[in-house]
Amino acid sequence: MTQKKLRFALFGKEYPTEKQAGIGRVLQSLQEKGADIWIDSPFADFIEQEGLVGDIAFNRFEGYDFEADFAISIGGDGTFLKTASRAAGKQIPLFGVNMGRLGFLADVQPTEIEASLDAVYSGAYELAHHSMIQVESEGEPITEYPYALNDIAVLKRDSASMISIRTEVSGEYLATYQADGLIVSTPTGSTAYSLSNGGPIIVPQTGTICLTPVAPHSLNIRPIVLPDNVEVRLSVASRSHNFLVAIDGRSEKLAQGTSIVIRKAPFCTQIVKHGGRQYFSTLREKMMWGKDEREL
């Protein structure tokens, strides 16, 4: 039976020599499948410079100017988030080959790439649909890509004094946070920045978002979980007259007086899952639940 031709868009970053074997393995596996390989131009420059291409034929693309059947993120969770920011809007399914440490999102090991591609070509995989959120500003425009898979946060700048964040939920006043910042996270992002600030772990596909303050001045302020059909409006006051908005870690400065509105995005990130890998098993493994500290 003739194998169908699939197009893959590859994303990654520079890696030291000891981690480069995984990149070569991905490229070799795609070539053996007869795949149509497209590589993000900066990443293509790196793998050519390091001699990882060999005789493998591929094409380049710039920015958002690409189409593919699947996207592959080669890196850690940070690389995965950057890939999602470029693939999700096109509704291109993606999976991440983990070259980093934690690998909560990028959960395919380099040694598993052949099995992952076999699953893709045979159709023996599932798509996990992870909701995203978006941000709009009223006043100074946001120039960054406005969609996030993990979280959107408003934060104080540098060592400035804490900021004041008036928060409304679907037109109803909730609270004014006196804090270093406020994180609005998806269930996917609940195990990231929000968790490090005391937020709860939320299972994906639960239809919620979470507001988690960063270093709040009041000990009475706690994270709150909301349905994801609400509109969250934030108005920020700061002694430095500006603040940061961070969208999956991509941050930019906004002037005081700029209100931002956060709501559920009109599309989601589609993550390829295969081999029976389930969320709770990943959670136990990455969080090391049940591990005896004496054995670590």
Protein backbone atom coordinates (compact mmCIF):
# COMPACT_ATOMS: atom_id res chain seq x y z
CA MET A 1 0.00 0.00 0.00
CA THR A 2 1.36 3.43 -0.94
CA GLN A 3 1.96 5.63 2.08
CA LYS A 4 0.15 8.94 2.01
CA LYS A 5 2.17 12.13 1.67
CA LEU A 6 1.99 14.38 4.71
CA ARG A 7 3.46 17.82 5.23
CA PHE A 8 5.18 18.62 8.54
CA ALA A 9 6.20 22.07 9.81
CA LEU A 10 9.17 21.91 12.20
CA PHE A 11 9.99 24.45 14.91
CA GLY A 12 12.93 24.53 17.30
CA LYS A 13 15.87 26.49 18.62
CA GLU A 14 19.63 26.13 19.00
CA TYR A 15 20.93 23.27 21.14
CA PRO A 16 24.38 22.22 22.38
CA THR A 17 26.10 19.31 20.66
CA GLU A 18 25.05 16.70 23.23
CA LYS A 19 21.35 17.33 22.47
CA GLN A 20 21.54 17.49 18.69
CA ALA A 21 21.15 13.75 18.04
CA GLY A 22 17.43 14.06 18.72
CA ILE A 23 17.05 16.63 15.95
CA GLY A 24 18.78 14.37 13.45
CA ARG A 25 16.57 11.47 14.50
CA VAL A 26 13.41 13.49 13.82
CA LEU A 27 14.64 14.53 10.37
CA GLN A 28 15.73 11.01 9.47
CA SER A 29 12.41 9.52 10.59
CA LEU A 30 10.46 12.04 8.51
CA GLN A 31 12.58 11.31 5.46
CA GLU A 32 11.99 7.57 5.84
CA LYS A 33 8.24 8.26 5.87
CA GLY A 34 8.54 10.24 2.64
CA ALA A 35 7.23 13.33 4.41
CA ASP A 36 7.16 16.81 2.91
CA ILE A 37 9.40 18.67 5.39
CA TRP A 38 9.12 22.41 6.03
CA ILE A 39 11.36 24.07 8.62
CA ASP A 40 11.09 27.46 10.32
CA SER A 41 13.87 29.52 8.76
CA PRO A 42 15.91 30.39 11.89
CA PHE A 43 15.83 26.73 12.98
CA ALA A 44 16.81 25.66 9.45
CA ASP A 45 19.84 27.96 9.62
CA PHE A 46 20.94 26.31 12.85
CA ILE A 47 20.61 22.69 11.73
CA GLU A 48 22.39 23.45 8.46
CA GLN A 49 25.22 25.16 10.33
CA GLU A 50 25.56 22.16 12.63
CA GLY A 51 25.55 19.69 9.74
CA LEU A 52 22.38 17.91 10.87
CA VAL A 53 20.64 17.94 7.51
CA GLY A 54 22.83 15.63 5.43
CA ASP A 55 21.05 14.70 2.20
CA ILE A 56 17.57 15.31 3.62
CA ALA A 57 15.46 17.53 1.37
CA PHE A 58 13.39 20.23 3.00
CA ASN A 59 11.79 23.62 2.41
CA ARG A 60 11.91 26.81 4.49
CA PHE A 61 9.19 29.14 5.67
CA GLU A 62 9.14 32.50 7.42
CA GLY A 63 6.89 33.57 10.28
CA TYR A 64 3.26 32.55 9.79
CA ASP A 65 3.64 31.86 6.08
CA PHE A 66 3.20 28.08 6.16
CA GLU A 67 0.65 25.31 5.87
CA ALA A 68 1.00 21.76 7.15
CA ASP A 69 -0.85 18.63 8.14
CA PHE A 70 1.05 18.50 11.44
CA ALA A 71 3.49 20.70 13.35
CA ILE A 72 6.40 19.35 15.39
CA SER A 73 7.97 21.32 18.21
CA ILE A 74 11.54 20.19 18.92
CA GLY A 75 12.47 21.51 22.34
CA GLY A 76 10.97 22.03 25.77
CA ASP A 77 7.64 23.45 26.88
CA GLY A 78 8.74 26.99 25.98
CA THR A 79 9.34 25.95 22.39
CA PHE A 80 6.01 24.13 22.41
CA LEU A 81 4.19 27.31 23.45
CA LYS A 82 5.88 29.28 20.68
CA THR A 83 4.89 26.59 18.18
CA ALA A 84 1.30 26.64 19.44
CA SER A 85 1.18 30.41 18.93
CA ARG A 86 1.86 29.86 15.23
CA ALA A 87 0.00 26.60 14.57
CA ALA A 88 -3.16 26.84 16.68
CA GLY A 89 -4.77 29.65 14.69
CA LYS A 90 -4.34 27.54 11.55
CA GLN A 91 -5.87 24.56 13.41
CA ILE A 92 -2.79 22.45 12.69
CA PRO A 93 -2.38 19.54 15.15
CA LEU A 94 0.99 19.45 16.86
CA PHE A 95 3.15 17.39 19.14
CA GLY A 96 6.35 18.17 20.97
CA VAL A 97 9.62 16.25 20.96
CA ASN A 98 11.09 16.92 24.39
CA MET A 99 14.66 18.21 24.35
CA GLY A 100 14.27 20.03 27.66
CA ARG A 101 13.80 18.97 31.26
CA LEU A 102 10.17 18.92 32.42
CA GLY A 103 8.37 18.23 29.15
CA PHE A 104 4.81 18.60 30.44
CA LEU A 105 3.51 19.69 27.04
CA ALA A 106 6.35 18.38 24.89
CA ASP A 107 5.91 14.78 26.00
CA VAL A 108 7.42 12.76 23.13
CA GLN A 109 10.97 11.62 23.82
CA PRO A 110 13.44 11.57 20.87
CA THR A 111 13.51 7.77 21.13
CA GLU A 112 9.72 7.73 20.61
CA ILE A 113 9.60 9.77 17.40
CA GLU A 114 9.34 6.71 15.13
CA ALA A 115 6.39 5.37 17.13
CA SER A 116 4.75 8.81 17.09
CA LEU A 117 5.03 9.08 13.32
CA ASP A 118 3.75 5.52 12.89
CA ALA A 119 0.67 6.53 14.91
CA VAL A 120 0.17 9.67 12.81
CA TYR A 121 0.41 7.80 9.51
CA SER A 122 -1.84 4.95 10.65
CA GLY A 123 -4.37 7.23 12.30
CA ALA A 124 -3.83 5.54 15.67
CA TYR A 125 -3.84 8.77 17.67
CA GLU A 126 -6.23 11.12 19.40
CA LEU A 127 -6.41 14.90 19.37
CA ALA A 128 -6.61 16.59 22.76
CA HIS A 129 -8.30 19.97 22.40
CA HIS A 130 -6.83 22.51 24.79
CA SER A 131 -8.66 25.81 25.18
CA MET A 132 -6.85 29.11 24.70
CA ILE A 133 -7.47 32.65 25.90
CA GLN A 134 -7.02 35.97 24.16
CA VAL A 135 -6.33 39.54 25.26
CA GLU A 136 -7.53 42.84 23.84
CA SER A 137 -6.56 46.32 24.99
CA GLU A 138 -8.55 49.50 25.26
CA GLY A 139 -6.10 52.34 24.81
CA GLU A 140 -2.52 51.47 23.92
CA PRO A 141 -2.52 48.58 21.38
CA ILE A 142 -0.99 45.17 22.06
CA THR A 143 1.51 44.31 19.34
CA GLU A 144 2.24 40.75 20.48
CA TYR A 145 0.28 37.71 19.23
CA PRO A 146 -2.79 38.03 21.49
CA TYR A 147 -3.56 34.33 22.11
CA ALA A 148 -2.20 32.13 24.91
CA LEU A 149 -2.29 28.40 25.57
CA ASN A 150 -1.00 28.73 29.15
CA ASP A 151 -1.65 32.15 30.61
CA ILE A 152 -1.90 35.91 30.29
CA ALA A 153 -0.52 37.95 33.17
CA VAL A 154 -0.34 41.61 34.11
CA LEU A 155 2.80 42.33 36.10
CA LYS A 156 4.71 45.19 37.67
CA ARG A 157 7.86 46.30 35.86
CA ASP A 158 11.31 45.54 37.29
CA SER A 159 11.58 46.54 40.96
CA ALA A 160 8.69 48.99 40.89
CA SER A 161 6.15 49.06 43.70
CA MET A 162 3.21 46.68 43.57
CA ILE A 163 0.43 47.51 41.17
CA SER A 164 -3.29 47.90 41.72
CA ILE A 165 -5.47 45.72 39.46
CA ARG A 166 -9.20 46.44 39.43
CA THR A 167 -10.90 43.28 38.20
CA GLU A 168 -14.38 42.85 36.76
CA VAL A 169 -15.92 39.55 35.66
CA SER A 170 -18.57 39.90 32.94
CA GLY A 171 -19.30 43.43 34.10
CA GLU A 172 -19.46 42.60 37.82
CA TYR A 173 -16.79 43.99 40.13
CA LEU A 174 -14.73 41.19 41.72
CA ALA A 175 -11.80 42.76 43.60
CA THR A 176 -8.93 45.19 43.37
CA TYR A 177 -5.70 43.24 43.73
CA GLN A 178 -2.75 45.00 45.40
CA ALA A 179 -0.01 42.69 44.18
CA ASP A 180 3.01 42.18 41.96
CA GLY A 181 0.65 40.92 39.31
CA LEU A 182 -2.33 38.78 38.35
CA ILE A 183 -2.28 35.60 36.25
CA VAL A 184 -5.23 34.51 34.13
CA SER A 185 -4.57 30.88 33.23
CA THR A 186 -6.21 28.14 31.23
CA PRO A 187 -6.44 24.61 32.63
CA THR A 188 -3.35 23.78 30.55
CA GLY A 189 -1.49 26.68 32.15
CA SER A 190 -2.58 25.78 35.67
CA THR A 191 0.56 23.66 36.11
CA ALA A 192 2.85 26.50 35.03
CA TYR A 193 3.20 30.07 36.37
CA SER A 194 -0.11 29.91 38.21
CA LEU A 195 0.94 26.80 40.16
CA SER A 196 4.20 28.43 41.24
CA ASN A 197 2.10 31.21 42.80
CA GLY A 198 -0.19 28.88 44.73
CA GLY A 199 -2.86 28.31 42.09
CA PRO A 200 -4.75 25.01 41.81
CA ILE A 201 -4.10 22.25 39.29
CA ILE A 202 -7.01 22.17 36.84
CA VAL A 203 -7.64 19.27 34.49
CA PRO A 204 -7.77 20.25 30.79
CA GLN A 205 -11.16 20.30 29.04
CA THR A 206 -12.94 21.42 32.23
CA GLY A 207 -14.15 24.69 30.68
CA THR A 208 -12.61 27.01 33.25
CA ILE A 209 -10.03 29.74 33.77
CA CYS A 210 -8.24 30.71 36.97
CA LEU A 211 -7.24 34.10 38.42
CA THR A 212 -4.10 33.80 40.56
CA PRO A 213 -2.50 36.84 42.23
CA VAL A 214 1.29 37.20 42.29
CA ALA A 215 2.60 38.11 45.77
CA PRO A 216 -0.65 39.79 46.94
CA HIS A 217 -0.44 42.39 49.69
CA SER A 218 -3.42 40.85 51.50
CA LEU A 219 -3.27 37.31 52.85
CA ASN A 220 -7.04 37.06 52.37
CA ILE A 221 -6.74 37.11 48.58
CA ARG A 222 -6.84 33.64 47.06
CA PRO A 223 -7.00 32.19 43.53
CA ILE A 224 -10.49 31.86 42.05
CA VAL A 225 -11.71 29.48 39.32
CA LEU A 226 -14.27 30.82 36.85
CA PRO A 227 -16.19 29.40 33.89
CA ASP A 228 -14.36 30.16 30.66
CA ASN A 229 -17.34 31.91 29.05
CA VAL A 230 -16.78 35.02 31.18
CA GLU A 231 -15.05 38.26 30.19
CA VAL A 232 -12.32 39.44 32.56
CA ARG A 233 -11.58 43.18 32.49
CA LEU A 234 -8.43 44.46 34.21
CA SER A 235 -7.63 48.13 34.89
CA VAL A 236 -4.13 48.73 36.23
CA ALA A 237 -2.74 51.61 38.31
CA SER A 238 1.01 51.82 38.93
CA ARG A 239 3.43 54.29 40.51
CA SER A 240 5.71 53.80 37.50
CA HIS A 241 2.76 54.70 35.22
CA ASN A 242 3.14 51.51 33.19
CA PHE A 243 2.99 47.75 33.55
CA LEU A 244 3.74 44.54 31.66
CA VAL A 245 1.33 42.18 29.96
CA ALA A 246 2.84 38.72 29.43
CA ILE A 247 1.19 36.39 26.91
CA ASP A 248 2.64 32.90 27.37
CA GLY A 249 5.85 34.64 28.44
CA ARG A 250 5.92 37.09 25.51
CA SER A 251 5.81 40.42 27.31
CA GLU A 252 5.39 44.05 26.37
CA LYS A 253 4.95 47.32 28.23
CA LEU A 254 1.62 49.12 28.39
CA ALA A 255 0.86 52.55 29.76
CA GLN A 256 -1.18 53.05 32.92
CA GLY A 257 -4.79 53.70 31.98
CA THR A 258 -4.82 50.94 29.39
CA SER A 259 -7.60 48.48 30.26
CA ILE A 260 -7.30 44.94 29.00
CA VAL A 261 -10.02 42.37 28.39
CA ILE A 262 -9.35 38.64 28.52
CA ARG A 263 -11.75 36.03 27.18
CA LYS A 264 -11.75 32.53 25.69
CA ALA A 265 -10.20 32.35 22.21
CA PRO A 266 -12.36 31.25 19.24
CA PHE A 267 -10.06 28.28 18.55
CA CYS A 268 -8.04 25.77 20.55
CA THR A 269 -4.68 24.03 20.39
CA GLN A 270 -4.90 20.47 19.05
CA ILE A 271 -2.29 18.21 20.62
CA VAL A 272 -1.54 14.77 19.17
CA LYS A 273 -1.70 11.97 21.75
CA HIS A 274 -0.97 8.30 21.19
CA GLY A 275 0.17 5.16 22.99
CA GLY A 276 -2.36 5.44 25.79
CA ARG A 277 -0.56 8.37 27.43
CA GLN A 278 -3.06 9.97 29.82
CA TYR A 279 -3.13 13.29 31.67
CA PHE A 280 -3.04 11.86 35.19
CA SER A 281 -0.08 9.59 34.48
CA THR A 282 1.80 12.58 33.07
CA LEU A 283 0.84 14.61 36.13
CA ARG A 284 2.12 11.95 38.52
CA GLU A 285 5.36 11.58 36.60
CA LYS A 286 6.17 15.27 36.16
CA MET A 287 5.06 16.31 39.66
CA MET A 288 6.75 13.23 41.17
CA TRP A 289 3.67 12.44 43.21
CA GLY A 290 4.19 9.46 45.48
CA LYS A 291 7.98 9.67 45.24
CA ASP A 292 9.91 9.07 48.44
CA GLU A 293 12.10 12.13 49.03
CA ARG A 294 14.77 9.82 50.47
CA GLU A 295 15.11 8.24 47.02
CA LEU A 296 15.55 11.52 45.13
